[in-house]
Amino acid sequence: MKTETQNKTVKKHLLKGKKITTFQAFTKYGITRLASRIFDLKESGMDIKSKLVTKKDTRFKEYFL
């Protein structure tokens, strides 16, 4: 999937009011570099927020609008 298509996919997901993690992006959409897609979307003007989540000794970011 091309970068532009990945950006559109992540944007659409977030605009539905859903949160997204790296694991979800990979399993649901095959996107392996979510942080890069988030960076691109922020650069285009989206106000994306993130929260650090800890579950079972694993830490990851969750992105949302």
Protein backbone atom coordinates (compact mmCIF):
# COMPACT_ATOMS: atom_id res chain seq x y z
CA MET A 1 0.00 0.00 0.00
CA LYS A 2 1.45 3.37 -0.98
CA THR A 3 2.13 6.11 1.57
CA GLU A 4 -0.64 8.36 0.24
CA THR A 5 -3.18 5.53 0.48
CA GLN A 6 -1.99 4.66 4.00
CA ASN A 7 -2.39 8.28 5.06
CA LYS A 8 -5.95 8.33 3.72
CA THR A 9 -6.73 5.05 5.49
CA VAL A 10 -5.46 6.29 8.86
CA LYS A 11 -7.19 9.66 8.41
CA LYS A 12 -10.52 7.97 7.64
CA HIS A 13 -10.13 5.72 10.69
CA LEU A 14 -9.43 8.67 13.00
CA LEU A 15 -12.22 10.82 11.54
CA LYS A 16 -14.69 8.07 12.52
CA GLY A 17 -13.77 8.87 16.13
CA LYS A 18 -11.73 5.71 16.58
CA LYS A 19 -8.36 5.35 18.27
CA ILE A 20 -5.50 3.51 16.58
CA THR A 21 -2.31 1.77 17.71
CA THR A 22 0.60 0.37 15.73
CA PHE A 23 -0.71 -3.17 16.29
CA GLN A 24 -4.19 -2.24 15.07
CA ALA A 25 -2.80 -0.43 12.02
CA PHE A 26 -0.79 -3.51 11.07
CA THR A 27 -3.43 -6.15 11.71
CA LYS A 28 -6.36 -4.23 10.25
CA TYR A 29 -4.73 -2.34 7.37
CA GLY A 30 -1.23 -3.81 6.85
CA ILE A 31 0.38 -0.47 7.78
CA THR A 32 3.80 -1.04 9.34
CA ARG A 33 4.94 2.56 9.99
CA LEU A 34 2.02 4.19 11.78
CA ALA A 35 4.19 6.85 13.45
CA SER A 36 5.29 8.05 10.01
CA ARG A 37 1.70 8.21 8.79
CA ILE A 38 0.73 10.17 11.93
CA PHE A 39 3.62 12.57 11.27
CA ASP A 40 2.44 13.09 7.69
CA LEU A 41 -1.13 13.77 8.82
CA LYS A 42 0.02 16.22 11.51
CA GLU A 43 2.12 18.02 8.89
CA SER A 44 -1.01 18.34 6.74
CA GLY A 45 -2.81 20.08 9.61
CA MET A 46 -4.63 17.33 11.52
CA ASP A 47 -4.67 17.79 15.30
CA ILE A 48 -3.82 14.22 16.30
CA LYS A 49 -3.21 13.51 19.96
CA SER A 50 -1.54 10.50 21.54
CA LYS A 51 -1.51 8.72 24.86
CA LEU A 52 1.09 6.29 26.20
CA VAL A 53 -0.61 3.05 27.26
CA THR A 54 0.89 0.28 29.40
CA LYS A 55 -0.56 -3.23 29.30
CA LYS A 56 1.16 -6.33 30.68
CA ASP A 57 4.62 -4.71 30.75
CA THR A 58 4.18 -3.46 27.17
CA ARG A 59 4.10 0.25 26.36
CA PHE A 60 2.67 1.70 23.18
CA LYS A 61 1.08 4.87 21.85
CA GLU A 62 -2.58 5.20 21.05
CA TYR A 63 -3.49 7.94 18.57
CA PHE A 64 -6.80 9.80 18.42
CA LEU A 65 -8.39 13.13 17.45
